[in-house]
Amino acid sequence: MIAVVQLLIKYALFPAFAMDTTLSTFSFVILIISTLCIAAGGYIINDIYDIETDAINKPNKVVIGKSITESTANKLYIAFTFIGVCLGFYLSNKVGKPPFFGLFVIIAASLYVYASYLKQIAVVGNIIVSVLVALSLLIVGIFELIPAITIENKTAQSTMLEVLTDFAVFAFLINFIREIVKDIQDVDGDHKAGMQTLPILFGKMRTSKIAMVLTLITIAIIVYYLVSFLFMHVTVILYFLIAVVGPLIYIAIKMFTAENKIHFKHISFILKLVMITGMLAMVIYRLVL
């Protein structure tokens, strides 16, 4: 999903606005591989620290300790993270922006701290992982647009960064809501592991209502954005209303009535679909702008 979104940014969103970009196809592939390697490392270290909770929350999906040993998982985490960070170092120097390398180090370190500590703290862990999801979009703009800025195109490049930031904010909000819903799903295992997530502190029903309010706020933000910036593009507005706003209204209603794990699993799945349809809006931009 990360790779697809980054490809959409490069080959759908940027061409729609005829942006000046920096990376060749080869360099862009390096950026994708680097991002995926660091994300894979984060996924592995998260699973390592979640062995106890996963045994309760999703026993049929446990890999570490069954399919592979914890020692092997740790080696894979180190290998993926090392490769991702090294590719980031290469790419940062390739575009003439060595300080950009710090982004890869910060992201990799944040994933480790999240898995080992922050995810146990209510809201903080949810925010961190959602920020990292948003960064997986913004990093394309950082490497593609910023090094290509000149006096002539500065305004256009800055505007495109703002558009990309809007998509990143959308990704943050949807992922943040989904993380809360997943916490409701995993409340039993998390409670046994001594974690302090929102459902453990406030209960599943109250947390569900919080997620519902956040969903309604997200709907309001999207509608405001459509009315303020895209009112001239009927096709784009219709797409967002049907593929994004409509499902979010459905999610808000379901959150109000959800009671068990199956209900919240369904909501989590729909949120994932909304994330995908929201990102696919970049293709609509390419077709109509």
Protein backbone atom coordinates (compact mmCIF):
# COMPACT_ATOMS: atom_id res chain seq x y z
CA MET A 1 0.00 0.00 0.00
CA ILE A 2 2.89 2.38 0.78
CA ALA A 3 4.52 1.60 -2.57
CA VAL A 4 1.27 2.10 -4.50
CA VAL A 5 0.62 5.47 -2.85
CA GLN A 6 4.15 6.66 -3.57
CA LEU A 7 3.77 5.57 -7.21
CA LEU A 8 0.47 7.47 -7.42
CA ILE A 9 2.18 10.61 -6.13
CA LYS A 10 5.01 10.30 -8.65
CA TYR A 11 3.04 9.27 -11.73
CA ALA A 12 -0.47 10.65 -11.14
CA LEU A 13 -0.44 13.63 -8.77
CA PHE A 14 2.75 15.38 -9.89
CA PRO A 15 2.04 15.05 -13.65
CA ALA A 16 -1.47 16.45 -13.08
CA PHE A 17 0.16 19.73 -12.06
CA ALA A 18 3.17 19.42 -14.42
CA MET A 19 5.61 19.63 -11.52
CA ASP A 20 9.41 19.81 -11.77
CA THR A 21 10.80 16.71 -10.07
CA THR A 22 14.23 15.45 -9.09
CA LEU A 23 14.35 11.67 -9.03
CA SER A 24 14.97 9.43 -12.02
CA THR A 25 13.01 6.17 -12.23
CA PHE A 26 15.95 4.30 -10.70
CA SER A 27 16.31 6.77 -7.82
CA PHE A 28 12.58 6.69 -7.18
CA VAL A 29 12.67 2.90 -6.97
CA ILE A 30 15.47 3.28 -4.41
CA LEU A 31 13.22 5.60 -2.39
CA ILE A 32 10.37 3.08 -2.47
CA ILE A 33 12.64 0.17 -1.49
CA SER A 34 14.16 2.21 1.33
CA THR A 35 10.73 3.15 2.67
CA LEU A 36 9.46 -0.42 2.41
CA CYS A 37 12.52 -1.88 4.11
CA ILE A 38 12.22 0.49 7.08
CA ALA A 39 8.47 -0.19 7.25
CA ALA A 40 9.11 -3.95 7.13
CA GLY A 41 11.65 -3.60 9.93
CA GLY A 42 9.09 -1.68 11.97
CA TYR A 43 6.46 -4.34 11.31
CA ILE A 44 8.83 -7.09 12.47
CA ILE A 45 9.97 -5.37 15.66
CA ASN A 46 6.34 -4.60 16.45
CA ASP A 47 5.47 -8.29 16.09
CA ILE A 48 8.40 -9.24 18.31
CA TYR A 49 7.11 -7.04 21.12
CA ASP A 50 3.53 -8.18 20.46
CA ILE A 51 4.11 -11.91 20.81
CA GLU A 52 2.18 -12.07 24.10
CA THR A 53 -0.74 -9.89 22.99
CA ASP A 54 -1.00 -11.46 19.51
CA ALA A 55 -1.27 -14.90 21.11
CA ILE A 56 -4.56 -13.67 22.60
CA ASN A 57 -5.82 -11.19 20.00
CA LYS A 58 -5.01 -13.09 16.80
CA PRO A 59 -3.61 -16.55 17.63
CA ASN A 60 -4.05 -17.82 14.06
CA LYS A 61 -1.87 -15.02 12.63
CA VAL A 62 1.12 -15.36 14.96
CA VAL A 63 4.30 -15.89 12.93
CA ILE A 64 7.16 -15.25 15.37
CA GLY A 65 7.62 -18.24 17.63
CA LYS A 66 5.76 -20.49 15.18
CA SER A 67 6.94 -20.06 11.59
CA ILE A 68 10.22 -18.33 12.54
CA THR A 69 12.15 -17.97 15.78
CA GLU A 70 12.41 -14.72 17.69
CA SER A 71 16.17 -14.73 17.03
CA THR A 72 15.59 -14.93 13.27
CA ALA A 73 12.99 -12.15 13.51
CA ASN A 74 15.48 -9.89 15.27
CA LYS A 75 18.06 -10.55 12.54
CA LEU A 76 15.48 -9.74 9.86
CA TYR A 77 14.57 -6.52 11.69
CA ILE A 78 18.21 -5.43 11.78
CA ALA A 79 18.77 -6.39 8.12
CA PHE A 80 15.69 -4.60 6.76
CA THR A 81 16.29 -1.49 8.85
CA PHE A 82 19.98 -1.35 7.95
CA ILE A 83 19.26 -1.69 4.22
CA GLY A 84 16.53 0.96 4.37
CA VAL A 85 18.68 3.48 6.23
CA CYS A 86 21.71 2.86 3.98
CA LEU A 87 19.60 3.38 0.85
CA GLY A 88 18.30 6.59 2.44
CA PHE A 89 21.89 7.74 2.98
CA TYR A 90 22.73 7.00 -0.67
CA LEU A 91 19.63 8.80 -1.96
CA SER A 92 20.13 11.88 0.23
CA ASN A 93 23.62 12.35 -1.16
CA LYS A 94 22.41 11.56 -4.68
CA VAL A 95 20.01 14.54 -4.64
CA GLY A 96 22.61 16.79 -2.99
CA LYS A 97 20.75 17.02 0.32
CA PRO A 98 22.79 15.00 2.89
CA PRO A 99 20.73 16.29 5.87
CA PHE A 100 17.68 14.46 4.42
CA PHE A 101 19.36 11.27 5.63
CA GLY A 102 18.26 12.18 9.13
CA LEU A 103 14.65 11.49 8.12
CA PHE A 104 15.37 7.80 7.61
CA VAL A 105 17.18 7.55 10.94
CA ILE A 106 14.35 9.33 12.77
CA ILE A 107 11.66 7.14 11.15
CA ALA A 108 13.55 3.91 11.89
CA ALA A 109 14.22 4.98 15.49
CA SER A 110 10.59 6.06 15.97
CA LEU A 111 9.33 2.66 14.83
CA TYR A 112 11.54 0.94 17.39
CA VAL A 113 10.55 3.28 20.23
CA TYR A 114 6.90 2.93 19.22
CA ALA A 115 7.03 -0.88 19.30
CA SER A 116 9.05 -1.12 22.50
CA TYR A 117 7.43 1.62 24.57
CA LEU A 118 5.14 4.28 23.06
CA LYS A 119 2.40 1.96 21.85
CA GLN A 120 1.64 1.14 25.47
CA ILE A 121 0.70 4.76 26.18
CA ALA A 122 -2.85 5.85 25.35
CA VAL A 123 -3.11 8.07 22.22
CA VAL A 124 0.66 8.73 22.03
CA GLY A 125 1.39 5.48 20.22
CA ASN A 126 -1.58 6.01 17.89
CA ILE A 127 -0.34 9.49 17.01
CA ILE A 128 3.24 8.36 16.37
CA VAL A 129 2.33 5.56 13.97
CA SER A 130 -0.15 7.83 12.16
CA VAL A 131 2.50 10.54 11.75
CA LEU A 132 4.84 7.92 10.27
CA VAL A 133 2.14 6.88 7.80
CA ALA A 134 1.74 10.52 6.76
CA LEU A 135 5.52 10.82 6.39
CA SER A 136 5.53 7.95 3.88
CA LEU A 137 3.65 10.36 1.57
CA LEU A 138 5.52 13.54 2.46
CA ILE A 139 8.92 11.95 1.91
CA VAL A 140 8.14 11.74 -1.82
CA GLY A 141 7.59 15.49 -1.93
CA ILE A 142 10.69 16.14 0.15
CA PHE A 143 12.92 14.23 -2.28
CA GLU A 144 11.12 15.06 -5.52
CA LEU A 145 10.10 18.69 -5.12
CA ILE A 146 12.44 20.46 -2.69
CA PRO A 147 15.74 19.75 -4.54
CA ALA A 148 14.09 20.92 -7.80
CA ILE A 149 13.00 24.31 -6.42
CA THR A 150 14.23 27.34 -8.36
CA ILE A 151 13.36 31.03 -8.22
CA GLU A 152 11.01 30.53 -11.20
CA ASN A 153 9.08 27.54 -9.87
CA LYS A 154 9.19 28.19 -6.13
CA THR A 155 5.50 29.14 -5.87
CA ALA A 156 4.32 26.13 -7.88
CA GLN A 157 6.54 23.70 -5.95
CA SER A 158 5.36 25.11 -2.62
CA THR A 159 1.72 24.81 -3.68
CA MET A 160 2.27 21.19 -4.66
CA LEU A 161 3.85 20.49 -1.28
CA GLU A 162 0.71 21.94 0.32
CA VAL A 163 -1.51 19.64 -1.78
CA LEU A 164 0.63 16.65 -0.80
CA THR A 165 0.42 17.76 2.83
CA ASP A 166 -3.39 17.74 2.52
CA PHE A 167 -3.26 14.09 1.42
CA ALA A 168 -0.84 13.35 4.28
CA VAL A 169 -3.23 14.94 6.80
CA PHE A 170 -6.05 12.79 5.39
CA ALA A 171 -3.86 9.67 5.76
CA PHE A 172 -3.00 10.70 9.33
CA LEU A 173 -6.65 11.16 10.34
CA ILE A 174 -7.91 7.91 8.80
CA ASN A 175 -5.01 5.91 10.20
CA PHE A 176 -5.42 7.51 13.65
CA ILE A 177 -9.08 6.51 13.75
CA ARG A 178 -8.21 3.01 12.55
CA GLU A 179 -5.52 2.64 15.22
CA ILE A 180 -8.11 3.46 17.89
CA VAL A 181 -10.53 0.92 16.39
CA LYS A 182 -7.77 -1.70 16.35
CA ASP A 183 -7.08 -0.95 20.02
CA ILE A 184 -10.75 -1.71 20.73
CA GLN A 185 -10.37 -5.01 18.85
CA ASP A 186 -7.22 -5.92 20.79
CA VAL A 187 -8.35 -4.77 24.24
CA ASP A 188 -8.19 -8.24 25.84
CA GLY A 189 -4.59 -8.99 24.89
CA ASP A 190 -3.46 -5.42 25.54
CA HIS A 191 -5.01 -5.49 29.02
CA LYS A 192 -3.20 -8.72 29.88
CA ALA A 193 0.09 -7.19 28.66
CA GLY A 194 -0.38 -4.20 30.98
CA MET A 195 -0.82 -1.63 28.21
CA GLN A 196 -2.70 1.65 28.73
CA THR A 197 -4.70 2.12 25.54
CA LEU A 198 -7.86 4.24 25.28
CA PRO A 199 -10.28 1.26 25.49
CA ILE A 200 -8.54 0.06 28.66
CA LEU A 201 -8.72 3.51 30.26
CA PHE A 202 -12.22 4.53 29.13
CA GLY A 203 -13.90 1.30 28.07
CA LYS A 204 -14.76 0.04 24.60
CA MET A 205 -18.06 1.88 24.22
CA ARG A 206 -16.72 5.30 25.23
CA THR A 207 -13.67 4.83 23.01
CA SER A 208 -15.97 3.89 20.13
CA LYS A 209 -17.84 7.16 20.61
CA ILE A 210 -14.51 9.05 20.59
CA ALA A 211 -13.64 7.37 17.29
CA MET A 212 -17.08 8.29 15.95
CA VAL A 213 -16.55 11.97 16.84
CA LEU A 214 -13.12 11.91 15.16
CA THR A 215 -14.75 10.41 12.06
CA LEU A 216 -17.35 13.19 12.00
CA ILE A 217 -14.57 15.80 12.37
CA THR A 218 -12.72 14.18 9.45
CA ILE A 219 -15.89 14.33 7.33
CA ALA A 220 -16.29 18.03 8.18
CA ILE A 221 -12.66 18.75 7.22
CA ILE A 222 -13.04 16.94 3.88
CA VAL A 223 -16.29 18.74 3.04
CA TYR A 224 -14.73 22.09 3.95
CA TYR A 225 -11.75 21.29 1.70
CA LEU A 226 -14.02 20.34 -1.20
CA VAL A 227 -16.13 23.49 -0.89
CA SER A 228 -13.13 25.80 -0.44
CA PHE A 229 -10.65 24.48 -2.99
CA LEU A 230 -12.31 22.07 -5.44
CA PHE A 231 -15.73 23.64 -6.02
CA MET A 232 -14.92 24.12 -9.74
CA HIS A 233 -14.21 20.42 -10.31
CA VAL A 234 -17.52 18.55 -10.12
CA THR A 235 -15.97 15.17 -10.99
CA VAL A 236 -13.51 15.38 -8.11
CA ILE A 237 -16.24 16.45 -5.67
CA LEU A 238 -18.53 13.59 -6.75
CA TYR A 239 -15.68 11.11 -6.38
CA PHE A 240 -14.89 12.26 -2.84
CA LEU A 241 -18.55 12.28 -1.81
CA ILE A 242 -19.16 8.74 -3.13
CA ALA A 243 -15.80 7.05 -2.41
CA VAL A 244 -14.70 8.83 0.78
CA VAL A 245 -17.40 10.86 2.55
CA GLY A 246 -20.14 8.27 2.03
CA PRO A 247 -18.16 5.39 3.55
CA LEU A 248 -17.06 7.62 6.44
CA ILE A 249 -20.69 8.44 7.23
CA TYR A 250 -21.39 4.69 7.19
CA ILE A 251 -18.43 4.15 9.56
CA ALA A 252 -19.69 6.83 11.96
CA ILE A 253 -23.10 5.13 12.08
CA LYS A 254 -21.55 1.69 12.61
CA MET A 255 -19.36 3.00 15.43
CA PHE A 256 -22.46 4.24 17.21
CA THR A 257 -23.97 0.75 17.15
CA ALA A 258 -20.83 -1.47 17.25
CA GLU A 259 -20.64 -3.82 20.23
CA ASN A 260 -18.30 -6.74 19.57
CA LYS A 261 -14.97 -7.59 18.00
CA ILE A 262 -16.52 -8.61 14.68
CA HIS A 263 -18.19 -5.20 14.34
CA PHE A 264 -14.94 -3.33 15.00
CA LYS A 265 -13.00 -5.62 12.64
CA HIS A 266 -15.50 -4.69 9.91
CA ILE A 267 -15.09 -0.98 10.68
CA SER A 268 -11.29 -1.33 10.55
CA PHE A 269 -11.57 -2.98 7.13
CA ILE A 270 -13.80 -0.19 5.77
CA LEU A 271 -11.37 2.41 7.09
CA LYS A 272 -8.59 0.69 5.18
CA LEU A 273 -10.71 0.86 2.03
CA VAL A 274 -11.35 4.57 2.64
CA MET A 275 -7.61 5.13 2.91
CA ILE A 276 -7.18 3.45 -0.49
CA THR A 277 -10.03 5.32 -2.20
CA GLY A 278 -8.76 8.59 -0.75
CA MET A 279 -5.31 8.01 -2.21
CA LEU A 280 -6.81 6.94 -5.56
CA ALA A 281 -8.21 10.47 -5.83
CA MET A 282 -4.75 11.34 -7.18
CA VAL A 283 -5.74 9.49 -10.37
CA ILE A 284 -8.87 11.65 -10.63
CA TYR A 285 -6.65 14.74 -10.34
CA ARG A 286 -4.58 13.36 -13.21
CA LEU A 287 -7.65 12.86 -15.40
CA VAL A 288 -9.54 16.10 -14.83
CA LEU A 289 -6.97 18.80 -14.02
